Amino acid sequence: MPTVFGPSPGPRQGPNGERFDLSDAPRTIASISFLTDEAELRKLLPPNCELDGEPIVTVEHVTLTELEWLAGRGYSLLSVSYPVRYRGASESVRGSFMSVLWENRCEPILTGREELGFSKLYCELPEPRILQGTRLHTAVWEGHEFIRMAFSDLVVGAPPKSPESDGILHHRYIPSLRQVGEAAVDEMVLSPQVSSAKPRYTSFVSGIGEVKFIRSTWEELPTMFHIVNALESLPVLSPRFSYIAEVRGATDLSEQRVLG
């Protein structure tokens, strides 16, 4: 919206309706995973989903650059996900459930929520601070820092083998205007694996990673404190894999589909 002016240009549609080539699009991924309490993580599951394997939470900060759909500009995003299996009326899929995704530009938030069903929110994602081998990423809203990711002891390594997955799952929800408390849309959607968009690593380092969700008050985060505090309540039982990678290749996500 607004639709009276025609379709909104974005990642899946250029100014003349053309598609963009993202096969060589660059991005930097900073990822931290940790094992948490299974019972606590179950509280954050979407409908018709169960945990798939160990209760491992992955927090990723991604920087996108040279985007054709933004005329060469870029932006950053930060996501929180964990492995789930969806069992619906007609199909069963497994993958990573993206519970929340923060971005620092309005345009991808709007199209990503309306066209794809991603749970996108806005925040500031400053450039990482790098000092004496330590790399620090933060998420900030109105001067309040609510997520901190720190990397250290990074050494050159090899990317891990990707787990068996059908893609990334999302919970698409739009409230009804007819009845308070009811949904106009309430469904699970999938960003399926696309072989043509398989990432190509140009550099990869791994090391020690620590992520901290900072408990916040309503005054500090009026519309997001409940999300951050729920994530802060997840105990870090043990660290898992942490890495920073330079990657090329992506998809415009036009293959997004609703799960049955």
C-alpha atoms as a PDB file:
ATOM      1  CA  MET A   1       0.000   0.000   0.000  1.00  0.00           C
ATOM      2  CA  PRO A   2      -0.820   2.545  -1.322  1.00  0.00           C
ATOM      3  CA  THR A   3      -2.087   0.515  -4.284  1.00  0.00           C
ATOM      4  CA  VAL A   4      -3.882   3.307  -6.188  1.00  0.00           C
ATOM      5  CA  PHE A   5      -0.504   4.371  -7.628  1.00  0.00           C
ATOM      6  CA  GLY A   6       0.294   0.863  -8.863  1.00  0.00           C
ATOM      7  CA  PRO A   7       2.510  -1.912  -7.484  1.00  0.00           C
ATOM      8  CA  SER A   8       5.256  -0.850  -5.096  1.00  0.00           C
ATOM      9  CA  PRO A   9       8.779  -1.211  -6.512  1.00  0.00           C
ATOM     10  CA  GLY A  10      10.911  -3.432  -4.279  1.00  0.00           C
ATOM     11  CA  PRO A  11      13.113  -6.522  -4.195  1.00  0.00           C
ATOM     12  CA  ARG A  12      10.732  -8.527  -6.401  1.00  0.00           C
ATOM     13  CA  GLN A  13       9.699  -5.825  -8.847  1.00  0.00           C
ATOM     14  CA  GLY A  14      11.667  -3.022 -10.451  1.00  0.00           C
ATOM     15  CA  PRO A  15      10.309   0.358 -11.603  1.00  0.00           C
ATOM     16  CA  ASN A  16       9.208  -1.187 -14.916  1.00  0.00           C
ATOM     17  CA  GLY A  17       8.117  -4.514 -13.466  1.00  0.00           C
ATOM     18  CA  GLU A  18      11.449  -6.211 -14.156  1.00  0.00           C
ATOM     19  CA  ARG A  19      13.129  -8.779 -11.863  1.00  0.00           C
ATOM     20  CA  PHE A  20      16.547  -8.158 -10.319  1.00  0.00           C
ATOM     21  CA  ASP A  21      19.531 -10.478 -10.585  1.00  0.00           C
ATOM     22  CA  LEU A  22      20.768 -11.316  -7.081  1.00  0.00           C
ATOM     23  CA  SER A  23      22.948 -14.278  -8.077  1.00  0.00           C
ATOM     24  CA  ASP A  24      26.113 -12.328  -7.229  1.00  0.00           C
ATOM     25  CA  ALA A  25      24.759 -10.055  -4.479  1.00  0.00           C
ATOM     26  CA  PRO A  26      27.313  -9.663  -1.650  1.00  0.00           C
ATOM     27  CA  ARG A  27      26.568  -9.861   2.048  1.00  0.00           C
ATOM     28  CA  THR A  28      28.431 -10.221   5.335  1.00  0.00           C
ATOM     29  CA  ILE A  29      27.026 -12.644   7.913  1.00  0.00           C
ATOM     30  CA  ALA A  30      27.954 -12.518  11.609  1.00  0.00           C
ATOM     31  CA  SER A  31      26.348 -15.494  13.345  1.00  0.00           C
ATOM     32  CA  ILE A  32      26.224 -16.737  16.951  1.00  0.00           C
ATOM     33  CA  SER A  33      24.436 -19.905  18.114  1.00  0.00           C
ATOM     34  CA  PHE A  34      23.819 -21.180  21.626  1.00  0.00           C
ATOM     35  CA  LEU A  35      22.048 -24.049  23.361  1.00  0.00           C
ATOM     36  CA  THR A  36      19.122 -22.987  25.528  1.00  0.00           C
ATOM     37  CA  ASP A  37      16.459 -24.546  27.750  1.00  0.00           C
ATOM     38  CA  GLU A  38      14.004 -26.610  25.729  1.00  0.00           C
ATOM     39  CA  ALA A  39      10.976 -25.813  27.886  1.00  0.00           C
ATOM     40  CA  GLU A  40      11.629 -22.071  27.661  1.00  0.00           C
ATOM     41  CA  LEU A  41      12.121 -22.136  23.894  1.00  0.00           C
ATOM     42  CA  ARG A  42       8.894 -24.092  23.415  1.00  0.00           C
ATOM     43  CA  LYS A  43       7.037 -21.025  24.711  1.00  0.00           C
ATOM     44  CA  LEU A  44       8.145 -19.170  21.555  1.00  0.00           C
ATOM     45  CA  LEU A  45       6.898 -21.708  18.999  1.00  0.00           C
ATOM     46  CA  PRO A  46       4.393 -20.726  16.284  1.00  0.00           C
ATOM     47  CA  PRO A  47       1.208 -22.738  15.549  1.00  0.00           C
ATOM     48  CA  ASN A  48       1.564 -26.384  14.447  1.00  0.00           C
ATOM     49  CA  CYS A  49       5.307 -26.373  15.132  1.00  0.00           C
ATOM     50  CA  GLU A  50       7.572 -28.352  17.454  1.00  0.00           C
ATOM     51  CA  LEU A  51      11.277 -28.100  18.138  1.00  0.00           C
ATOM     52  CA  ASP A  52      13.358 -30.128  15.716  1.00  0.00           C
ATOM     53  CA  GLY A  53      16.410 -31.494  17.482  1.00  0.00           C
ATOM     54  CA  GLU A  54      18.394 -29.569  20.062  1.00  0.00           C
ATOM     55  CA  PRO A  55      17.023 -26.207  21.276  1.00  0.00           C
ATOM     56  CA  ILE A  56      19.647 -24.087  19.536  1.00  0.00           C
ATOM     57  CA  VAL A  57      19.073 -20.361  19.056  1.00  0.00           C
ATOM     58  CA  THR A  58      20.896 -18.578  16.246  1.00  0.00           C
ATOM     59  CA  VAL A  59      21.344 -14.813  16.144  1.00  0.00           C
ATOM     60  CA  GLU A  60      22.587 -13.381  12.858  1.00  0.00           C
ATOM     61  CA  HIS A  61      23.604  -9.877  11.841  1.00  0.00           C
ATOM     62  CA  VAL A  62      23.715  -9.500   8.063  1.00  0.00           C
ATOM     63  CA  THR A  63      24.952  -6.527   6.034  1.00  0.00           C
ATOM     64  CA  LEU A  64      23.670  -6.286   2.454  1.00  0.00           C
ATOM     65  CA  THR A  65      25.361  -4.049  -0.123  1.00  0.00           C
ATOM     66  CA  GLU A  66      25.177  -3.203  -3.835  1.00  0.00           C
ATOM     67  CA  LEU A  67      21.449  -3.952  -4.016  1.00  0.00           C
ATOM     68  CA  GLU A  68      19.988  -3.348  -7.463  1.00  0.00           C
ATOM     69  CA  TRP A  69      16.458  -2.855  -6.139  1.00  0.00           C
ATOM     70  CA  LEU A  70      17.749   0.025  -3.968  1.00  0.00           C
ATOM     71  CA  ALA A  71      19.743   1.490  -6.870  1.00  0.00           C
ATOM     72  CA  GLY A  72      23.044   0.342  -5.360  1.00  0.00           C
ATOM     73  CA  ARG A  73      22.296   1.110  -1.711  1.00  0.00           C
ATOM     74  CA  GLY A  74      22.276  -1.408   1.136  1.00  0.00           C
ATOM     75  CA  TYR A  75      21.040  -2.056   4.653  1.00  0.00           C
ATOM     76  CA  SER A  76      21.523  -4.379   7.614  1.00  0.00           C
ATOM     77  CA  LEU A  77      19.342  -6.890   9.423  1.00  0.00           C
ATOM     78  CA  LEU A  78      19.430  -8.957  12.604  1.00  0.00           C
ATOM     79  CA  SER A  79      17.413 -12.148  13.066  1.00  0.00           C
ATOM     80  CA  VAL A  80      16.687 -14.687  15.810  1.00  0.00           C
ATOM     81  CA  SER A  81      15.806 -18.222  14.724  1.00  0.00           C
ATOM     82  CA  TYR A  82      15.689 -21.837  15.892  1.00  0.00           C
ATOM     83  CA  PRO A  83      15.002 -25.249  14.287  1.00  0.00           C
ATOM     84  CA  VAL A  84      11.400 -26.410  14.055  1.00  0.00           C
ATOM     85  CA  ARG A  85       9.252 -29.000  12.331  1.00  0.00           C
ATOM     86  CA  TYR A  86       5.892 -27.855  10.999  1.00  0.00           C
ATOM     87  CA  ARG A  87       3.075 -30.414  10.850  1.00  0.00           C
ATOM     88  CA  GLY A  88       0.108 -29.039   8.947  1.00  0.00           C
ATOM     89  CA  ALA A  89      -3.091 -30.434   7.538  1.00  0.00           C
ATOM     90  CA  SER A  90      -1.498 -31.508   4.253  1.00  0.00           C
ATOM     91  CA  GLU A  91       2.282 -31.283   4.621  1.00  0.00           C
ATOM     92  CA  SER A  92       5.207 -31.504   7.008  1.00  0.00           C
ATOM     93  CA  VAL A  93       8.380 -29.443   6.628  1.00  0.00           C
ATOM     94  CA  ARG A  94      11.430 -28.728   8.730  1.00  0.00           C
ATOM     95  CA  GLY A  95      13.644 -25.707   8.833  1.00  0.00           C
ATOM     96  CA  SER A  96      14.674 -22.647  10.776  1.00  0.00           C
ATOM     97  CA  PHE A  97      11.846 -20.555  12.235  1.00  0.00           C
ATOM     98  CA  MET A  98      12.665 -16.853  12.028  1.00  0.00           C
ATOM     99  CA  SER A  99      10.911 -15.515  15.115  1.00  0.00           C
ATOM    100  CA  VAL A 100      11.858 -11.873  14.607  1.00  0.00           C
ATOM    101  CA  LEU A 101      13.885  -9.834  12.121  1.00  0.00           C
ATOM    102  CA  TRP A 102      15.076  -6.279  12.738  1.00  0.00           C
ATOM    103  CA  GLU A 103      16.126  -4.089   9.803  1.00  0.00           C
ATOM    104  CA  ASN A 104      17.447  -0.546   9.576  1.00  0.00           C
ATOM    105  CA  ARG A 105      15.511   0.550   6.485  1.00  0.00           C
ATOM    106  CA  CYS A 106      11.781   1.113   6.119  1.00  0.00           C
ATOM    107  CA  GLU A 107      11.444  -0.128   2.524  1.00  0.00           C
ATOM    108  CA  PRO A 108      12.405  -3.813   3.021  1.00  0.00           C
ATOM    109  CA  ILE A 109      10.326  -3.908   6.220  1.00  0.00           C
ATOM    110  CA  LEU A 110       7.139  -2.859   4.416  1.00  0.00           C
ATOM    111  CA  THR A 111       7.454  -5.143   1.411  1.00  0.00           C
ATOM    112  CA  GLY A 112       8.789  -8.021   3.531  1.00  0.00           C
ATOM    113  CA  ARG A 113       5.836  -7.899   5.927  1.00  0.00           C
ATOM    114  CA  GLU A 114       3.090  -7.407   3.329  1.00  0.00           C
ATOM    115  CA  GLU A 115       4.406  -9.552   0.476  1.00  0.00           C
ATOM    116  CA  LEU A 116       6.236 -12.316   2.359  1.00  0.00           C
ATOM    117  CA  GLY A 117       4.955 -12.530   5.930  1.00  0.00           C
ATOM    118  CA  PHE A 118       8.295 -11.904   7.655  1.00  0.00           C
ATOM    119  CA  SER A 119       8.077 -10.684  11.270  1.00  0.00           C
ATOM    120  CA  LYS A 120      10.040  -7.513  10.566  1.00  0.00           C
ATOM    121  CA  LEU A 121      10.686  -4.594  12.907  1.00  0.00           C
ATOM    122  CA  TYR A 122      12.789  -1.443  12.741  1.00  0.00           C
ATOM    123  CA  CYS A 123      15.893  -0.578  14.740  1.00  0.00           C
ATOM    124  CA  GLU A 124      19.281   1.009  14.227  1.00  0.00           C
ATOM    125  CA  LEU A 125      22.077  -1.414  13.338  1.00  0.00           C
ATOM    126  CA  PRO A 126      25.349   0.543  13.522  1.00  0.00           C
ATOM    127  CA  GLU A 127      28.504  -0.480  11.710  1.00  0.00           C
ATOM    128  CA  PRO A 128      30.439  -3.024  13.793  1.00  0.00           C
ATOM    129  CA  ARG A 129      33.202  -1.800  16.072  1.00  0.00           C
ATOM    130  CA  ILE A 130      36.449  -3.696  15.505  1.00  0.00           C
ATOM    131  CA  LEU A 131      39.302  -3.330  17.984  1.00  0.00           C
ATOM    132  CA  GLN A 132      42.324  -5.559  18.645  1.00  0.00           C
ATOM    133  CA  GLY A 133      40.739  -8.680  17.228  1.00  0.00           C
ATOM    134  CA  THR A 134      37.306  -8.169  18.814  1.00  0.00           C
ATOM    135  CA  ARG A 135      34.245  -7.355  16.702  1.00  0.00           C
ATOM    136  CA  LEU A 136      31.123  -5.874  18.287  1.00  0.00           C
ATOM    137  CA  HIS A 137      27.658  -5.625  16.709  1.00  0.00           C
ATOM    138  CA  THR A 138      24.757  -3.860  18.420  1.00  0.00           C
ATOM    139  CA  ALA A 139      21.047  -3.237  17.918  1.00  0.00           C
ATOM    140  CA  VAL A 140      19.780   0.151  19.106  1.00  0.00           C
ATOM    141  CA  TRP A 141      16.449   1.993  19.281  1.00  0.00           C
ATOM    142  CA  GLU A 142      16.286   5.705  20.194  1.00  0.00           C
ATOM    143  CA  GLY A 143      19.708   5.495  21.847  1.00  0.00           C
ATOM    144  CA  HIS A 144      18.888   2.346  23.840  1.00  0.00           C
ATOM    145  CA  GLU A 145      21.077  -0.663  23.097  1.00  0.00           C
ATOM    146  CA  PHE A 146      19.101  -3.902  23.425  1.00  0.00           C
ATOM    147  CA  ILE A 147      21.238  -6.560  21.689  1.00  0.00           C
ATOM    148  CA  ARG A 148      24.996  -6.960  21.757  1.00  0.00           C
ATOM    149  CA  MET A 149      27.017  -9.511  19.755  1.00  0.00           C
ATOM    150  CA  ALA A 150      30.755  -9.889  20.412  1.00  0.00           C
ATOM    151  CA  PHE A 151      33.249 -11.973  18.406  1.00  0.00           C
ATOM    152  CA  SER A 152      36.851 -12.753  19.362  1.00  0.00           C
ATOM    153  CA  ASP A 153      39.680 -15.222  18.638  1.00  0.00           C
ATOM    154  CA  LEU A 154      38.615 -15.456  15.002  1.00  0.00           C
ATOM    155  CA  VAL A 155      40.603 -17.821  12.784  1.00  0.00           C
ATOM    156  CA  VAL A 156      40.234 -18.873   9.167  1.00  0.00           C
ATOM    157  CA  GLY A 157      38.145 -22.015   8.816  1.00  0.00           C
ATOM    158  CA  ALA A 158      35.653 -23.869   6.668  1.00  0.00           C
ATOM    159  CA  PRO A 159      31.877 -23.334   6.625  1.00  0.00           C
ATOM    160  CA  PRO A 160      29.918 -26.013   8.503  1.00  0.00           C
ATOM    161  CA  LYS A 161      27.744 -28.484   6.650  1.00  0.00           C
ATOM    162  CA  SER A 162      24.251 -27.102   6.296  1.00  0.00           C
ATOM    163  CA  PRO A 163      21.623 -29.045   8.281  1.00  0.00           C
ATOM    164  CA  GLU A 164      18.820 -30.815   6.454  1.00  0.00           C
ATOM    165  CA  SER A 165      16.193 -28.156   5.865  1.00  0.00           C
ATOM    166  CA  ASP A 166      13.274 -27.254   3.608  1.00  0.00           C
ATOM    167  CA  GLY A 167      13.955 -23.560   4.155  1.00  0.00           C
ATOM    168  CA  ILE A 168      13.087 -20.768   6.573  1.00  0.00           C
ATOM    169  CA  LEU A 169       9.668 -20.676   8.225  1.00  0.00           C
ATOM    170  CA  HIS A 170       7.692 -17.586   9.221  1.00  0.00           C
ATOM    171  CA  HIS A 171       4.404 -16.933  11.019  1.00  0.00           C
ATOM    172  CA  ARG A 172       2.298 -14.559   8.912  1.00  0.00           C
ATOM    173  CA  TYR A 173      -0.364 -12.831  10.997  1.00  0.00           C
ATOM    174  CA  ILE A 174      -2.671  -9.925  10.116  1.00  0.00           C
ATOM    175  CA  PRO A 175      -5.333  -8.911  12.660  1.00  0.00           C
ATOM    176  CA  SER A 176      -8.973  -8.657  11.670  1.00  0.00           C
ATOM    177  CA  LEU A 177     -10.674  -5.267  11.487  1.00  0.00           C
ATOM    178  CA  ARG A 178     -14.074  -6.937  11.902  1.00  0.00           C
ATOM    179  CA  GLN A 179     -13.494  -8.553  15.284  1.00  0.00           C
ATOM    180  CA  VAL A 180     -10.953  -7.550  17.945  1.00  0.00           C
ATOM    181  CA  GLY A 181      -8.722 -10.457  18.916  1.00  0.00           C
ATOM    182  CA  GLU A 182      -9.338 -12.416  15.720  1.00  0.00           C
ATOM    183  CA  ALA A 183      -7.083 -12.783  12.680  1.00  0.00           C
ATOM    184  CA  ALA A 184      -7.732 -11.881   9.072  1.00  0.00           C
ATOM    185  CA  VAL A 185      -4.669 -13.971   8.151  1.00  0.00           C
ATOM    186  CA  ASP A 186      -2.978 -16.550  10.386  1.00  0.00           C
ATOM    187  CA  GLU A 187      -0.711 -18.963   8.518  1.00  0.00           C
ATOM    188  CA  MET A 188       2.769 -20.417   8.308  1.00  0.00           C
ATOM    189  CA  VAL A 189       4.825 -19.554   5.232  1.00  0.00           C
ATOM    190  CA  LEU A 190       8.088 -20.919   3.886  1.00  0.00           C
ATOM    191  CA  SER A 191      11.105 -19.376   2.183  1.00  0.00           C
ATOM    192  CA  PRO A 192      12.195 -22.578   0.416  1.00  0.00           C
ATOM    193  CA  GLN A 193      15.750 -23.581  -0.342  1.00  0.00           C
ATOM    194  CA  VAL A 194      16.667 -22.484  -3.871  1.00  0.00           C
ATOM    195  CA  SER A 195      19.591 -24.294  -5.498  1.00  0.00           C
ATOM    196  CA  SER A 196      20.338 -21.381  -7.834  1.00  0.00           C
ATOM    197  CA  ALA A 197      20.821 -19.110  -4.786  1.00  0.00           C
ATOM    198  CA  LYS A 198      23.193 -21.422  -2.923  1.00  0.00           C
ATOM    199  CA  PRO A 199      25.665 -19.091  -1.147  1.00  0.00           C
ATOM    200  CA  ARG A 200      29.269 -18.908  -2.301  1.00  0.00           C
ATOM    201  CA  TYR A 201      31.684 -18.158   0.537  1.00  0.00           C
ATOM    202  CA  THR A 202      34.539 -15.791  -0.312  1.00  0.00           C
ATOM    203  CA  SER A 203      35.894 -15.696   3.265  1.00  0.00           C
ATOM    204  CA  PHE A 204      35.071 -17.503   6.493  1.00  0.00           C
ATOM    205  CA  VAL A 205      36.385 -17.130  10.035  1.00  0.00           C
ATOM    206  CA  SER A 206      35.113 -18.732  13.236  1.00  0.00           C
ATOM    207  CA  GLY A 207      35.831 -18.162  16.899  1.00  0.00           C
ATOM    208  CA  ILE A 208      34.248 -17.235  20.204  1.00  0.00           C
ATOM    209  CA  GLY A 209      30.871 -15.532  20.075  1.00  0.00           C
ATOM    210  CA  GLU A 210      28.734 -14.079  22.834  1.00  0.00           C
ATOM    211  CA  VAL A 211      25.269 -12.604  22.421  1.00  0.00           C
ATOM    212  CA  LYS A 212      23.419 -10.622  25.068  1.00  0.00           C
ATOM    213  CA  PHE A 213      19.791  -9.535  25.012  1.00  0.00           C
ATOM    214  CA  ILE A 214      19.507  -6.558  27.344  1.00  0.00           C
ATOM    215  CA  ARG A 215      16.402  -6.572  29.553  1.00  0.00           C
ATOM    216  CA  SER A 216      14.501  -3.392  28.803  1.00  0.00           C
ATOM    217  CA  THR A 217      11.657  -1.363  30.256  1.00  0.00           C
ATOM    218  CA  TRP A 218       8.542  -0.153  28.472  1.00  0.00           C
ATOM    219  CA  GLU A 219       9.951   3.383  28.656  1.00  0.00           C
ATOM    220  CA  GLU A 220      13.133   2.259  26.844  1.00  0.00           C
ATOM    221  CA  LEU A 221      11.428   0.119  24.176  1.00  0.00           C
ATOM    222  CA  PRO A 222       7.714   0.990  24.152  1.00  0.00           C
ATOM    223  CA  THR A 223       6.750  -1.419  21.339  1.00  0.00           C
ATOM    224  CA  MET A 224       9.474  -4.073  21.582  1.00  0.00           C
ATOM    225  CA  PHE A 225      10.350  -4.562  25.255  1.00  0.00           C
ATOM    226  CA  HIS A 226       8.228  -7.730  25.468  1.00  0.00           C
ATOM    227  CA  ILE A 227      10.144  -9.304  22.578  1.00  0.00           C
ATOM    228  CA  VAL A 228      13.593  -8.449  23.895  1.00  0.00           C
ATOM    229  CA  ASN A 229      12.714  -9.547  27.427  1.00  0.00           C
ATOM    230  CA  ALA A 230      11.343 -12.884  26.200  1.00  0.00           C
ATOM    231  CA  LEU A 231      14.629 -13.510  24.385  1.00  0.00           C
ATOM    232  CA  GLU A 232      16.624 -12.351  27.406  1.00  0.00           C
ATOM    233  CA  SER A 233      14.814 -14.992  29.467  1.00  0.00           C
ATOM    234  CA  LEU A 234      16.308 -17.791  27.333  1.00  0.00           C
ATOM    235  CA  PRO A 235      19.295 -19.155  29.284  1.00  0.00           C
ATOM    236  CA  VAL A 236      22.598 -19.648  27.467  1.00  0.00           C
ATOM    237  CA  LEU A 237      23.461 -23.197  28.531  1.00  0.00           C
ATOM    238  CA  SER A 238      26.465 -23.545  26.255  1.00  0.00           C
ATOM    239  CA  PRO A 239      27.871 -21.711  23.225  1.00  0.00           C
ATOM    240  CA  ARG A 240      27.736 -23.332  19.823  1.00  0.00           C
ATOM    241  CA  PHE A 241      29.165 -22.288  16.458  1.00  0.00           C
ATOM    242  CA  SER A 242      30.030 -18.607  15.861  1.00  0.00           C
ATOM    243  CA  TYR A 243      31.425 -17.205  12.644  1.00  0.00           C
ATOM    244  CA  ILE A 244      31.740 -14.266  10.276  1.00  0.00           C
ATOM    245  CA  ALA A 245      31.493 -14.908   6.554  1.00  0.00           C
ATOM    246  CA  GLU A 246      31.601 -12.973   3.318  1.00  0.00           C
ATOM    247  CA  VAL A 247      29.046 -14.489   0.941  1.00  0.00           C
ATOM    248  CA  ARG A 248      27.768 -13.891  -2.586  1.00  0.00           C
ATOM    249  CA  GLY A 249      24.469 -15.051  -4.074  1.00  0.00           C
ATOM    250  CA  ALA A 250      20.885 -14.625  -2.909  1.00  0.00           C
ATOM    251  CA  THR A 251      17.250 -14.842  -4.021  1.00  0.00           C
ATOM    252  CA  ASP A 252      14.514 -12.225  -4.221  1.00  0.00           C
ATOM    253  CA  LEU A 253      12.239 -14.612  -2.246  1.00  0.00           C
ATOM    254  CA  SER A 254       9.547 -14.598  -4.934  1.00  0.00           C
ATOM    255  CA  GLU A 255       9.287 -18.370  -4.389  1.00  0.00           C
ATOM    256  CA  GLN A 256       7.713 -17.739  -0.952  1.00  0.00           C
ATOM    257  CA  ARG A 257       4.683 -19.944  -0.334  1.00  0.00           C
ATOM    258  CA  VAL A 258       1.975 -20.688   2.230  1.00  0.00           C
ATOM    259  CA  LEU A 259       2.206 -24.023   4.036  1.00  0.00           C
ATOM    260  CA  GLY A 260      -0.778 -26.350   4.030  1.00  0.00           C
END
